[in-house]
Amino acid sequence: MKREDAIPYISFCVDDALNISDIENMTDKQLEGARLIGWQCGFEPMFVAAWSYLGDRIEDSEAEELATDALIERAWFSDEPRPPDYVI
């Protein structure tokens, strides 16, 4: 999946200070620097945009951890968290 295809499926945003927000609150510049971490949910994916509030590019592993923690906090996983299907 390409980045442009994933953007409409972003449900949440999280930064490395663990602030969780909705996509509407994210600026274009923040979105450009964000890693998109996604899980396949039936026929459609669900993405979390993970970024650094300092503007630095974060590593894939840190973005995965931030996104997973944000979804755990929102009780998104029905059982144990599973690894993401997409890292863009």
PDB file of N, CA and C in Angstrom:
ATOM      1  N   MET A   1       0.843  -1.168   0.000  1.00  0.00           N
ATOM      2  CA  MET A   1       0.000   0.000   0.000  1.00  0.00           C
ATOM      3  C   MET A   1       0.892   1.236   0.000  1.00  0.00           C
ATOM      4  N   LYS A   2       0.487   2.228  -0.769  1.00  0.00           N
ATOM      5  CA  LYS A   2       1.231   3.480  -0.842  1.00  0.00           C
ATOM      6  C   LYS A   2       0.736   4.444   0.228  1.00  0.00           C
ATOM      7  N   ARG A   3       1.599   5.376   0.576  1.00  0.00           N
ATOM      8  CA  ARG A   3       1.288   6.361   1.607  1.00  0.00           C
ATOM      9  C   ARG A   3      -0.007   7.115   1.291  1.00  0.00           C
ATOM     10  N   GLU A   4      -0.160   7.554   0.040  1.00  0.00           N
ATOM     11  CA  GLU A   4      -1.350   8.310  -0.354  1.00  0.00           C
ATOM     12  C   GLU A   4      -2.622   7.500  -0.143  1.00  0.00           C
ATOM     13  N   ASP A   5      -2.524   6.184  -0.358  1.00  0.00           N
ATOM     14  CA  ASP A   5      -3.679   5.309  -0.185  1.00  0.00           C
ATOM     15  C   ASP A   5      -4.032   5.119   1.289  1.00  0.00           C
ATOM     16  N   ALA A   6      -3.035   5.212   2.159  1.00  0.00           N
ATOM     17  CA  ALA A   6      -3.241   4.967   3.584  1.00  0.00           C
ATOM     18  C   ALA A   6      -3.813   6.178   4.318  1.00  0.00           C
ATOM     19  N   ILE A   7      -3.532   7.369   3.857  1.00  0.00           N
ATOM     20  CA  ILE A   7      -3.916   8.584   4.584  1.00  0.00           C
ATOM     21  C   ILE A   7      -5.416   8.647   4.904  1.00  0.00           C
ATOM     22  N   PRO A   8      -6.319   8.297   3.986  1.00  0.00           N
ATOM     23  CA  PRO A   8      -7.745   8.360   4.345  1.00  0.00           C
ATOM     24  C   PRO A   8      -8.152   7.392   5.469  1.00  0.00           C
ATOM     25  N   TYR A   9      -7.316   6.409   5.754  1.00  0.00           N
ATOM     26  CA  TYR A   9      -7.645   5.404   6.760  1.00  0.00           C
ATOM     27  C   TYR A   9      -7.022   5.692   8.133  1.00  0.00           C
ATOM     28  N   ILE A  10      -6.415   6.883   8.294  1.00  0.00           N
ATOM     29  CA  ILE A  10      -5.832   7.242   9.591  1.00  0.00           C
ATOM     30  C   ILE A  10      -6.966   7.541  10.563  1.00  0.00           C
ATOM     31  N   SER A  11      -6.972   6.834  11.673  1.00  0.00           N
ATOM     32  CA  SER A  11      -7.994   7.044  12.692  1.00  0.00           C
ATOM     33  C   SER A  11      -7.491   7.869  13.870  1.00  0.00           C
ATOM     34  N   PHE A  12      -6.221   7.702  14.222  1.00  0.00           N
ATOM     35  CA  PHE A  12      -5.650   8.395  15.367  1.00  0.00           C
ATOM     36  C   PHE A  12      -4.252   8.877  15.031  1.00  0.00           C
ATOM     37  N   CYS A  13      -3.796   9.833  15.825  1.00  0.00           N
ATOM     38  CA  CYS A  13      -2.426  10.329  15.744  1.00  0.00           C
ATOM     39  C   CYS A  13      -1.836  10.254  17.139  1.00  0.00           C
ATOM     40  N   VAL A  14      -0.567   9.923  17.197  1.00  0.00           N
ATOM     41  CA  VAL A  14       0.118   9.878  18.488  1.00  0.00           C
ATOM     42  C   VAL A  14       1.535  10.397  18.281  1.00  0.00           C
ATOM     43  N   ASP A  15       1.991  11.206  19.240  1.00  0.00           N
ATOM     44  CA  ASP A  15       3.369  11.675  19.152  1.00  0.00           C
ATOM     45  C   ASP A  15       4.226  10.979  20.206  1.00  0.00           C
ATOM     46  N   ASP A  16       5.518  11.258  20.163  1.00  0.00           N
ATOM     47  CA  ASP A  16       6.425  10.560  21.073  1.00  0.00           C
ATOM     48  C   ASP A  16       6.370  11.108  22.498  1.00  0.00           C
ATOM     49  N   ALA A  17       5.459  12.036  22.774  1.00  0.00           N
ATOM     50  CA  ALA A  17       5.170  12.460  24.145  1.00  0.00           C
ATOM     51  C   ALA A  17       3.882  11.789  24.626  1.00  0.00           C
ATOM     52  N   LEU A  18       3.398  10.822  23.828  1.00  0.00           N
ATOM     53  CA  LEU A  18       2.208  10.018  24.110  1.00  0.00           C
ATOM     54  C   LEU A  18       0.901  10.815  24.120  1.00  0.00           C
ATOM     55  N   ASN A  19       0.867  11.901  23.360  1.00  0.00           N
ATOM     56  CA  ASN A  19      -0.373  12.656  23.171  1.00  0.00           C
ATOM     57  C   ASN A  19      -1.141  12.025  22.021  1.00  0.00           C
ATOM     58  N   ILE A  20      -2.352  11.579  22.298  1.00  0.00           N
ATOM     59  CA  ILE A  20      -3.195  10.952  21.287  1.00  0.00           C
ATOM     60  C   ILE A  20      -4.230  11.977  20.846  1.00  0.00           C
ATOM     61  N   SER A  21      -4.391  12.126  19.532  1.00  0.00           N
ATOM     62  CA  SER A  21      -5.369  13.076  19.023  1.00  0.00           C
ATOM     63  C   SER A  21      -6.011  12.538  17.748  1.00  0.00           C
ATOM     64  N   ASP A  22      -6.991  13.262  17.268  1.00  0.00           N
ATOM     65  CA  ASP A  22      -7.645  12.915  16.020  1.00  0.00           C
ATOM     66  C   ASP A  22      -6.864  13.503  14.852  1.00  0.00           C
ATOM     67  N   ILE A  23      -7.038  12.944  13.688  1.00  0.00           N
ATOM     68  CA  ILE A  23      -6.312  13.375  12.486  1.00  0.00           C
ATOM     69  C   ILE A  23      -6.593  14.849  12.169  1.00  0.00           C
ATOM     70  N   GLU A  24      -7.770  15.339  12.486  1.00  0.00           N
ATOM     71  CA  GLU A  24      -8.126  16.727  12.196  1.00  0.00           C
ATOM     72  C   GLU A  24      -7.221  17.722  12.918  1.00  0.00           C
ATOM     73  N   ASN A  25      -6.622  17.298  14.021  1.00  0.00           N
ATOM     74  CA  ASN A  25      -5.756  18.175  14.808  1.00  0.00           C
ATOM     75  C   ASN A  25      -4.306  18.149  14.347  1.00  0.00           C
ATOM     76  N   MET A  26      -3.993  17.362  13.352  1.00  0.00           N
ATOM     77  CA  MET A  26      -2.618  17.215  12.885  1.00  0.00           C
ATOM     78  C   MET A  26      -2.368  18.161  11.709  1.00  0.00           C
ATOM     79  N   THR A  27      -1.247  18.865  11.735  1.00  0.00           N
ATOM     80  CA  THR A  27      -0.911  19.768  10.638  1.00  0.00           C
ATOM     81  C   THR A  27      -0.344  18.968   9.460  1.00  0.00           C
ATOM     82  N   ASP A  28      -0.328  19.587   8.295  1.00  0.00           N
ATOM     83  CA  ASP A  28       0.234  18.932   7.104  1.00  0.00           C
ATOM     84  C   ASP A  28       1.703  18.596   7.308  1.00  0.00           C
ATOM     85  N   LYS A  29       2.435  19.485   7.965  1.00  0.00           N
ATOM     86  CA  LYS A  29       3.861  19.241   8.212  1.00  0.00           C
ATOM     87  C   LYS A  29       4.059  18.043   9.133  1.00  0.00           C
ATOM     88  N   GLN A  30       3.243  17.933  10.166  1.00  0.00           N
ATOM     89  CA  GLN A  30       3.336  16.790  11.074  1.00  0.00           C
ATOM     90  C   GLN A  30       2.998  15.500  10.325  1.00  0.00           C
ATOM     91  N   LEU A  31       1.986  15.541   9.483  1.00  0.00           N
ATOM     92  CA  LEU A  31       1.581  14.367   8.728  1.00  0.00           C
ATOM     93  C   LEU A  31       2.676  13.915   7.766  1.00  0.00           C
ATOM     94  N   GLU A  32       3.371  14.873   7.168  1.00  0.00           N
ATOM     95  CA  GLU A  32       4.474  14.537   6.254  1.00  0.00           C
ATOM     96  C   GLU A  32       5.571  13.750   6.964  1.00  0.00           C
ATOM     97  N   GLY A  33       5.857  14.100   8.214  1.00  0.00           N
ATOM     98  CA  GLY A  33       6.919  13.440   8.964  1.00  0.00           C
ATOM     99  C   GLY A  33       6.480  12.217   9.742  1.00  0.00           C
ATOM    100  N   ALA A  34       5.204  11.899   9.688  1.00  0.00           N
ATOM    101  CA  ALA A  34       4.675  10.792  10.483  1.00  0.00           C
ATOM    102  C   ALA A  34       4.898   9.450   9.804  1.00  0.00           C
ATOM    103  N   ARG A  35       5.074   8.433  10.625  1.00  0.00           N
ATOM    104  CA  ARG A  35       5.056   7.050  10.168  1.00  0.00           C
ATOM    105  C   ARG A  35       3.622   6.587  10.264  1.00  0.00           C
ATOM    106  N   LEU A  36       3.163   5.871   9.258  1.00  0.00           N
ATOM    107  CA  LEU A  36       1.801   5.355   9.264  1.00  0.00           C
ATOM    108  C   LEU A  36       1.852   3.879   9.598  1.00  0.00           C
ATOM    109  N   ILE A  37       1.249   3.529  10.721  1.00  0.00           N
ATOM    110  CA  ILE A  37       1.254   2.164  11.224  1.00  0.00           C
ATOM    111  C   ILE A  37      -0.170   1.633  11.081  1.00  0.00           C
ATOM    112  N   GLY A  38      -0.329   0.510  10.358  1.00  0.00           N
ATOM    113  CA  GLY A  38      -1.674   0.050  10.056  1.00  0.00           C
ATOM    114  C   GLY A  38      -1.932  -1.409  10.349  1.00  0.00           C
ATOM    115  N   TRP A  39      -3.177  -1.672  10.652  1.00  0.00           N
ATOM    116  CA  TRP A  39      -3.670  -3.031  10.879  1.00  0.00           C
ATOM    117  C   TRP A  39      -4.831  -3.264   9.928  1.00  0.00           C
ATOM    118  N   GLN A  40      -4.878  -4.431   9.355  1.00  0.00           N
ATOM    119  CA  GLN A  40      -5.977  -4.789   8.472  1.00  0.00           C
ATOM    120  C   GLN A  40      -7.169  -5.203   9.323  1.00  0.00           C
ATOM    121  N   CYS A  41      -8.318  -4.563   9.094  1.00  0.00           N
ATOM    122  CA  CYS A  41      -9.532  -4.828   9.864  1.00  0.00           C
ATOM    123  C   CYS A  41     -10.616  -5.262   8.885  1.00  0.00           C
ATOM    124  N   GLY A  42     -10.691  -6.526   8.645  1.00  0.00           N
ATOM    125  CA  GLY A  42     -11.659  -6.990   7.655  1.00  0.00           C
ATOM    126  C   GLY A  42     -11.248  -6.523   6.273  1.00  0.00           C
ATOM    127  N   PHE A  43     -12.128  -5.783   5.629  1.00  0.00           N
ATOM    128  CA  PHE A  43     -11.844  -5.331   4.269  1.00  0.00           C
ATOM    129  C   PHE A  43     -11.083  -4.017   4.205  1.00  0.00           C
ATOM    130  N   GLU A  44     -11.050  -3.273   5.304  1.00  0.00           N
ATOM    131  CA  GLU A  44     -10.392  -1.974   5.306  1.00  0.00           C
ATOM    132  C   GLU A  44      -9.291  -1.921   6.367  1.00  0.00           C
ATOM    133  N   PRO A  45      -8.221  -1.203   6.061  1.00  0.00           N
ATOM    134  CA  PRO A  45      -7.167  -1.028   7.062  1.00  0.00           C
ATOM    135  C   PRO A  45      -7.517   0.113   8.022  1.00  0.00           C
ATOM    136  N   MET A  46      -6.830   0.157   9.144  1.00  0.00           N
ATOM    137  CA  MET A  46      -6.939   1.238  10.109  1.00  0.00           C
ATOM    138  C   MET A  46      -5.512   1.667  10.431  1.00  0.00           C
ATOM    139  N   PHE A  47      -5.231   2.950  10.321  1.00  0.00           N
ATOM    140  CA  PHE A  47      -3.883   3.456  10.535  1.00  0.00           C
ATOM    141  C   PHE A  47      -3.814   4.405  11.714  1.00  0.00           C
ATOM    142  N   VAL A  48      -2.647   4.406  12.336  1.00  0.00           N
ATOM    143  CA  VAL A  48      -2.291   5.382  13.359  1.00  0.00           C
ATOM    144  C   VAL A  48      -1.071   6.127  12.820  1.00  0.00           C
ATOM    145  N   ALA A  49      -1.139   7.451  12.818  1.00  0.00           N
ATOM    146  CA  ALA A  49       0.003   8.267  12.418  1.00  0.00           C
ATOM    147  C   ALA A  49       0.846   8.527  13.660  1.00  0.00           C
ATOM    148  N   ALA A  50       2.087   8.112  13.641  1.00  0.00           N
ATOM    149  CA  ALA A  50       2.998   8.299  14.776  1.00  0.00           C
ATOM    150  C   ALA A  50       4.110   9.249  14.351  1.00  0.00           C
ATOM    151  N   TRP A  51       4.344  10.265  15.166  1.00  0.00           N
ATOM    152  CA  TRP A  51       5.320  11.287  14.796  1.00  0.00           C
ATOM    153  C   TRP A  51       6.008  11.848  16.032  1.00  0.00           C
ATOM    154  N   SER A  52       7.062  12.616  15.802  1.00  0.00           N
ATOM    155  CA  SER A  52       7.794  13.253  16.891  1.00  0.00           C
ATOM    156  C   SER A  52       7.327  14.694  17.029  1.00  0.00           C
ATOM    157  N   TYR A  53       6.976  15.086  18.234  1.00  0.00           N
ATOM    158  CA  TYR A  53       6.546  16.465  18.450  1.00  0.00           C
ATOM    159  C   TYR A  53       7.707  17.446  18.281  1.00  0.00           C
ATOM    160  N   LEU A  54       8.934  16.936  18.285  1.00  0.00           N
ATOM    161  CA  LEU A  54      10.110  17.780  18.060  1.00  0.00           C
ATOM    162  C   LEU A  54      10.410  17.953  16.573  1.00  0.00           C
ATOM    163  N   GLY A  55       9.698  17.214  15.734  1.00  0.00           N
ATOM    164  CA  GLY A  55       9.905  17.325  14.297  1.00  0.00           C
ATOM    165  C   GLY A  55      10.926  16.350  13.747  1.00  0.00           C
ATOM    166  N   ASP A  56      11.534  15.534  14.607  1.00  0.00           N
ATOM    167  CA  ASP A  56      12.499  14.530  14.146  1.00  0.00           C
ATOM    168  C   ASP A  56      11.761  13.352  13.519  1.00  0.00           C
ATOM    169  N   ARG A  57      12.430  12.642  12.654  1.00  0.00           N
ATOM    170  CA  ARG A  57      11.854  11.423  12.071  1.00  0.00           C
ATOM    171  C   ARG A  57      12.054  10.292  13.067  1.00  0.00           C
ATOM    172  N   ILE A  58      11.004   9.550  13.392  1.00  0.00           N
ATOM    173  CA  ILE A  58      11.140   8.447  14.339  1.00  0.00           C
ATOM    174  C   ILE A  58      11.352   7.142  13.579  1.00  0.00           C
ATOM    175  N   GLU A  59      11.985   6.215  14.233  1.00  0.00           N
ATOM    176  CA  GLU A  59      12.265   4.902  13.653  1.00  0.00           C
ATOM    177  C   GLU A  59      10.982   4.069  13.586  1.00  0.00           C
ATOM    178  N   ASP A  60      10.978   3.101  12.691  1.00  0.00           N
ATOM    179  CA  ASP A  60       9.821   2.218  12.533  1.00  0.00           C
ATOM    180  C   ASP A  60       9.442   1.547  13.851  1.00  0.00           C
ATOM    181  N   SER A  61      10.426   1.036  14.566  1.00  0.00           N
ATOM    182  CA  SER A  61      10.138   0.300  15.805  1.00  0.00           C
ATOM    183  C   SER A  61       9.501   1.211  16.854  1.00  0.00           C
ATOM    184  N   GLU A  62       9.973   2.453  16.951  1.00  0.00           N
ATOM    185  CA  GLU A  62       9.384   3.392  17.907  1.00  0.00           C
ATOM    186  C   GLU A  62       7.956   3.749  17.488  1.00  0.00           C
ATOM    187  N   ALA A  63       7.746   3.949  16.190  1.00  0.00           N
ATOM    188  CA  ALA A  63       6.407   4.267  15.692  1.00  0.00           C
ATOM    189  C   ALA A  63       5.435   3.118  15.954  1.00  0.00           C
ATOM    190  N   GLU A  64       5.899   1.889  15.733  1.00  0.00           N
ATOM    191  CA  GLU A  64       5.056   0.717  16.000  1.00  0.00           C
ATOM    192  C   GLU A  64       4.670   0.654  17.475  1.00  0.00           C
ATOM    193  N   GLU A  65       5.624   0.902  18.346  1.00  0.00           N
ATOM    194  CA  GLU A  65       5.364   0.855  19.785  1.00  0.00           C
ATOM    195  C   GLU A  65       4.379   1.951  20.200  1.00  0.00           C
ATOM    196  N   LEU A  66       4.574   3.167  19.689  1.00  0.00           N
ATOM    197  CA  LEU A  66       3.670   4.267  20.009  1.00  0.00           C
ATOM    198  C   LEU A  66       2.251   3.974  19.539  1.00  0.00           C
ATOM    199  N   ALA A  67       2.124   3.485  18.308  1.00  0.00           N
ATOM    200  CA  ALA A  67       0.802   3.192  17.749  1.00  0.00           C
ATOM    201  C   ALA A  67       0.118   2.065  18.517  1.00  0.00           C
ATOM    202  N   THR A  68       0.872   1.018  18.813  1.00  0.00           N
ATOM    203  CA  THR A  68       0.309  -0.112  19.555  1.00  0.00           C
ATOM    204  C   THR A  68      -0.144   0.328  20.945  1.00  0.00           C
ATOM    205  N   ASP A  69       0.696   1.106  21.638  1.00  0.00           N
ATOM    206  CA  ASP A  69       0.333   1.599  22.981  1.00  0.00           C
ATOM    207  C   ASP A  69      -0.917   2.480  22.932  1.00  0.00           C
ATOM    208  N   ALA A  70      -1.033   3.310  21.899  1.00  0.00           N
ATOM    209  CA  ALA A  70      -2.206   4.168  21.769  1.00  0.00           C
ATOM    210  C   ALA A  70      -3.471   3.333  21.593  1.00  0.00           C
ATOM    211  N   LEU A  71      -3.380   2.272  20.812  1.00  0.00           N
ATOM    212  CA  LEU A  71      -4.547   1.418  20.596  1.00  0.00           C
ATOM    213  C   LEU A  71      -4.877   0.580  21.836  1.00  0.00           C
ATOM    214  N   ILE A  72      -3.858   0.173  22.571  1.00  0.00           N
ATOM    215  CA  ILE A  72      -4.103  -0.542  23.835  1.00  0.00           C
ATOM    216  C   ILE A  72      -4.841   0.387  24.796  1.00  0.00           C
ATOM    217  N   GLU A  73      -4.411   1.639  24.876  1.00  0.00           N
ATOM    218  CA  GLU A  73      -5.051   2.609  25.767  1.00  0.00           C
ATOM    219  C   GLU A  73      -6.523   2.817  25.393  1.00  0.00           C
ATOM    220  N   ARG A  74      -6.830   2.714  24.123  1.00  0.00           N
ATOM    221  CA  ARG A  74      -8.214   2.877  23.656  1.00  0.00           C
ATOM    222  C   ARG A  74      -8.970   1.549  23.604  1.00  0.00           C
ATOM    223  N   ALA A  75      -8.343   0.477  24.097  1.00  0.00           N
ATOM    224  CA  ALA A  75      -8.946  -0.867  24.118  1.00  0.00           C
ATOM    225  C   ALA A  75      -9.389  -1.311  22.726  1.00  0.00           C
ATOM    226  N   TRP A  76      -8.554  -1.046  21.735  1.00  0.00           N
ATOM    227  CA  TRP A  76      -8.871  -1.385  20.348  1.00  0.00           C
ATOM    228  C   TRP A  76      -8.696  -2.876  20.076  1.00  0.00           C
ATOM    229  N   PHE A  77      -7.697  -3.487  20.668  1.00  0.00           N
ATOM    230  CA  PHE A  77      -7.448  -4.911  20.467  1.00  0.00           C
ATOM    231  C   PHE A  77      -8.413  -5.721  21.324  1.00  0.00           C
ATOM    232  N   SER A  78      -9.006  -6.756  20.752  1.00  0.00           N
ATOM    233  CA  SER A  78      -9.936  -7.576  21.531  1.00  0.00           C
ATOM    234  C   SER A  78      -9.190  -8.542  22.454  1.00  0.00           C
ATOM    235  N   ASP A  79      -8.010  -8.958  22.064  1.00  0.00           N
ATOM    236  CA  ASP A  79      -7.172  -9.832  22.893  1.00  0.00           C
ATOM    237  C   ASP A  79      -5.805  -9.181  23.045  1.00  0.00           C
ATOM    238  N   GLU A  80      -4.794  -9.973  22.862  1.00  0.00           N
ATOM    239  CA  GLU A  80      -3.423  -9.473  22.910  1.00  0.00           C
ATOM    240  C   GLU A  80      -3.138  -8.620  21.667  1.00  0.00           C
ATOM    241  N   PRO A  81      -2.351  -7.560  21.819  1.00  0.00           N
ATOM    242  CA  PRO A  81      -1.984  -6.752  20.651  1.00  0.00           C
ATOM    243  C   PRO A  81      -1.229  -7.617  19.632  1.00  0.00           C
ATOM    244  N   ARG A  82      -1.461  -7.334  18.376  1.00  0.00           N
ATOM    245  CA  ARG A  82      -0.740  -8.059  17.337  1.00  0.00           C
ATOM    246  C   ARG A  82       0.118  -7.070  16.555  1.00  0.00           C
ATOM    247  N   PRO A  83       1.158  -7.555  15.908  1.00  0.00           N
ATOM    248  CA  PRO A  83       2.026  -6.678  15.130  1.00  0.00           C
ATOM    249  C   PRO A  83       1.242  -6.018  13.988  1.00  0.00           C
ATOM    250  N   PRO A  84       1.651  -4.830  13.592  1.00  0.00           N
ATOM    251  CA  PRO A  84       0.951  -4.149  12.504  1.00  0.00           C
ATOM    252  C   PRO A  84       1.163  -4.881  11.168  1.00  0.00           C
ATOM    253  N   ASP A  85       0.206  -4.686  10.284  1.00  0.00           N
ATOM    254  CA  ASP A  85       0.308  -5.237   8.940  1.00  0.00           C
ATOM    255  C   ASP A  85       1.028  -4.297   7.982  1.00  0.00           C
ATOM    256  N   TYR A  86       1.039  -3.018   8.315  1.00  0.00           N
ATOM    257  CA  TYR A  86       1.672  -2.000   7.457  1.00  0.00           C
ATOM    258  C   TYR A  86       2.525  -1.056   8.290  1.00  0.00           C
ATOM    259  N   VAL A  87       3.679  -0.725   7.764  1.00  0.00           N
ATOM    260  CA  VAL A  87       4.519   0.336   8.324  1.00  0.00           C
ATOM    261  C   VAL A  87       4.968   1.160   7.138  1.00  0.00           C
ATOM    262  N   ILE A  88       4.442   2.367   7.069  1.00  0.00           N
ATOM    263  CA  ILE A  88       4.733   3.223   5.895  1.00  0.00           C
ATOM    264  C   ILE A  88       5.401   4.506   6.380  1.00  0.00           C
TER     265      ILE A  88
END
